[in-house]
N, C-alpha and C. Protein backbone atom coordinates (compact mmCIF):
# COMPACT_ATOMS: atom_id res chain seq x y z
N MET A 1 67.60 91.45 -56.24
CA MET A 1 66.73 90.30 -56.07
C MET A 1 67.20 89.16 -56.96
N GLY A 2 67.08 87.94 -56.45
CA GLY A 2 67.50 86.78 -57.21
C GLY A 2 66.35 86.22 -58.02
N ASN A 3 66.66 85.23 -58.77
CA ASN A 3 65.69 84.54 -59.60
C ASN A 3 64.72 83.76 -58.71
N GLY A 4 63.43 83.89 -58.91
CA GLY A 4 62.43 83.20 -58.11
C GLY A 4 62.56 81.70 -58.19
N THR A 5 62.96 81.17 -59.34
CA THR A 5 63.11 79.74 -59.51
C THR A 5 64.23 79.20 -58.62
N ASP A 6 65.35 79.93 -58.54
CA ASP A 6 66.45 79.51 -57.66
C ASP A 6 65.99 79.47 -56.22
N ASN A 7 65.25 80.46 -55.80
CA ASN A 7 64.74 80.52 -54.44
C ASN A 7 63.80 79.35 -54.17
N ASP A 8 62.93 79.02 -55.13
CA ASP A 8 62.00 77.91 -54.97
C ASP A 8 62.74 76.59 -54.81
N SER A 9 63.78 76.36 -55.61
CA SER A 9 64.52 75.10 -55.51
C SER A 9 65.28 75.00 -54.20
N ARG A 10 65.82 76.10 -53.71
CA ARG A 10 66.49 76.09 -52.40
C ARG A 10 65.48 75.80 -51.30
N GLN A 11 64.32 76.42 -51.37
CA GLN A 11 63.27 76.20 -50.38
C GLN A 11 62.84 74.74 -50.39
N ARG A 12 62.67 74.16 -51.57
CA ARG A 12 62.27 72.76 -51.68
C ARG A 12 63.33 71.85 -51.07
N LYS A 13 64.61 72.14 -51.30
CA LYS A 13 65.70 71.33 -50.76
C LYS A 13 65.68 71.37 -49.24
N VAL A 14 65.53 72.55 -48.67
CA VAL A 14 65.47 72.67 -47.22
C VAL A 14 64.26 71.93 -46.69
N SER A 15 63.14 72.08 -47.34
CA SER A 15 61.92 71.40 -46.90
C SER A 15 62.08 69.88 -46.94
N GLU A 16 62.74 69.37 -47.96
CA GLU A 16 62.98 67.93 -48.08
C GLU A 16 63.86 67.44 -46.92
N GLU A 17 64.91 68.19 -46.62
CA GLU A 17 65.81 67.83 -45.52
C GLU A 17 65.06 67.85 -44.19
N THR A 18 64.27 68.86 -43.98
CA THR A 18 63.49 68.97 -42.75
C THR A 18 62.48 67.84 -42.66
N LEU A 19 61.86 67.51 -43.76
CA LEU A 19 60.89 66.42 -43.79
C LEU A 19 61.55 65.09 -43.43
N LEU A 20 62.72 64.82 -44.00
CA LEU A 20 63.44 63.58 -43.70
C LEU A 20 63.86 63.52 -42.23
N LYS A 21 64.38 64.62 -41.71
CA LYS A 21 64.82 64.66 -40.30
C LYS A 21 63.63 64.45 -39.36
N THR A 22 62.52 65.07 -39.68
CA THR A 22 61.33 64.95 -38.84
C THR A 22 60.81 63.51 -38.86
N ALA A 23 60.75 62.91 -40.02
CA ALA A 23 60.30 61.52 -40.12
C ALA A 23 61.22 60.60 -39.33
N LYS A 24 62.51 60.84 -39.41
CA LYS A 24 63.48 60.02 -38.67
C LYS A 24 63.27 60.16 -37.17
N GLU A 25 63.09 61.38 -36.71
CA GLU A 25 62.90 61.60 -35.27
C GLU A 25 61.62 60.93 -34.77
N ILE A 26 60.56 61.01 -35.54
CA ILE A 26 59.31 60.35 -35.16
C ILE A 26 59.52 58.84 -35.10
N ALA A 27 60.18 58.28 -36.10
CA ALA A 27 60.44 56.84 -36.13
C ALA A 27 61.28 56.41 -34.93
N VAL A 28 62.30 57.18 -34.60
CA VAL A 28 63.15 56.86 -33.45
C VAL A 28 62.34 56.89 -32.16
N LYS A 29 61.49 57.88 -32.01
CA LYS A 29 60.64 57.96 -30.81
C LYS A 29 59.70 56.75 -30.74
N PHE A 30 59.15 56.34 -31.88
CA PHE A 30 58.29 55.17 -31.89
C PHE A 30 59.07 53.91 -31.51
N ILE A 31 60.31 53.80 -31.95
CA ILE A 31 61.14 52.66 -31.55
C ILE A 31 61.39 52.70 -30.05
N GLU A 32 61.73 53.87 -29.53
CA GLU A 32 62.01 54.01 -28.09
C GLU A 32 60.80 53.66 -27.23
N THR A 33 59.61 53.96 -27.72
CA THR A 33 58.40 53.68 -26.94
C THR A 33 57.81 52.31 -27.25
N GLY A 34 58.43 51.57 -28.16
CA GLY A 34 57.98 50.22 -28.47
C GLY A 34 56.82 50.14 -29.45
N ARG A 35 56.48 51.25 -30.09
CA ARG A 35 55.38 51.23 -31.06
C ARG A 35 55.78 50.59 -32.37
N ILE A 36 57.06 50.70 -32.74
CA ILE A 36 57.61 49.96 -33.88
C ILE A 36 58.92 49.35 -33.43
N ASN A 37 59.40 48.36 -34.17
CA ASN A 37 60.68 47.76 -33.81
C ASN A 37 61.63 47.92 -35.00
N PRO A 38 62.92 47.75 -34.76
CA PRO A 38 63.90 47.94 -35.85
C PRO A 38 63.63 47.07 -37.08
N ALA A 39 63.02 45.93 -36.89
CA ALA A 39 62.74 45.05 -38.02
C ALA A 39 61.68 45.64 -38.96
N THR A 40 60.81 46.47 -38.44
CA THR A 40 59.75 47.08 -39.26
C THR A 40 60.03 48.54 -39.57
N PHE A 41 61.26 48.98 -39.30
CA PHE A 41 61.61 50.38 -39.49
C PHE A 41 61.37 50.84 -40.93
N ASP A 42 61.75 50.03 -41.90
CA ASP A 42 61.64 50.42 -43.31
C ASP A 42 60.22 50.81 -43.69
N SER A 43 59.28 49.93 -43.44
CA SER A 43 57.90 50.23 -43.81
C SER A 43 57.31 51.33 -42.94
N ALA A 44 57.65 51.34 -41.66
CA ALA A 44 57.13 52.37 -40.76
C ALA A 44 57.66 53.75 -41.17
N PHE A 45 58.95 53.82 -41.50
CA PHE A 45 59.53 55.11 -41.91
C PHE A 45 58.85 55.63 -43.17
N LYS A 46 58.63 54.74 -44.14
CA LYS A 46 57.96 55.16 -45.38
C LYS A 46 56.57 55.69 -45.10
N ASN A 47 55.83 55.03 -44.22
CA ASN A 47 54.49 55.49 -43.87
C ASN A 47 54.52 56.83 -43.15
N ILE A 48 55.45 56.99 -42.23
CA ILE A 48 55.59 58.26 -41.51
C ILE A 48 55.95 59.37 -42.48
N TYR A 49 56.93 59.11 -43.35
CA TYR A 49 57.37 60.12 -44.32
C TYR A 49 56.22 60.54 -45.23
N ARG A 50 55.50 59.56 -45.77
CA ARG A 50 54.37 59.87 -46.67
C ARG A 50 53.30 60.67 -45.95
N SER A 51 53.02 60.31 -44.72
CA SER A 51 52.01 61.05 -43.95
C SER A 51 52.43 62.49 -43.74
N LEU A 52 53.69 62.70 -43.38
CA LEU A 52 54.19 64.06 -43.21
C LEU A 52 54.15 64.83 -44.52
N GLU A 53 54.58 64.19 -45.59
CA GLU A 53 54.61 64.85 -46.89
C GLU A 53 53.21 65.26 -47.34
N GLU A 54 52.25 64.36 -47.16
CA GLU A 54 50.88 64.68 -47.54
C GLU A 54 50.34 65.84 -46.71
N THR A 55 50.69 65.85 -45.43
CA THR A 55 50.21 66.90 -44.54
C THR A 55 50.85 68.24 -44.87
N ILE A 56 52.17 68.24 -45.07
CA ILE A 56 52.89 69.49 -45.29
C ILE A 56 52.67 70.03 -46.70
N ARG A 57 52.74 69.18 -47.67
CA ARG A 57 52.67 69.64 -49.07
C ARG A 57 51.28 69.50 -49.67
N GLY A 58 50.41 68.80 -48.99
CA GLY A 58 49.06 68.62 -49.50
C GLY A 58 49.00 67.75 -50.73
N GLU A 59 49.96 66.82 -50.85
CA GLU A 59 50.02 65.94 -52.03
C GLU A 59 49.72 64.52 -51.63
N LYS A 60 49.04 63.82 -52.48
CA LYS A 60 48.85 62.37 -52.31
C LYS A 60 49.74 61.67 -53.31
N GLN A 61 50.56 60.75 -52.86
CA GLN A 61 51.48 60.03 -53.74
C GLN A 61 50.84 58.77 -54.24
């Protein structure tokens, strides 16, 4: 068995990557459907990411 701390940090890294990919895909879909435009991508992506993070991790930033 490995160290629990190492496993936790690997899990967190994978979760962060998955969270970023998911937020990107949602933002792209919103652009494709006209709900957001490329000019507002920055703020929309941040809002999408924060919403996902709060939902998945149960944290308020």
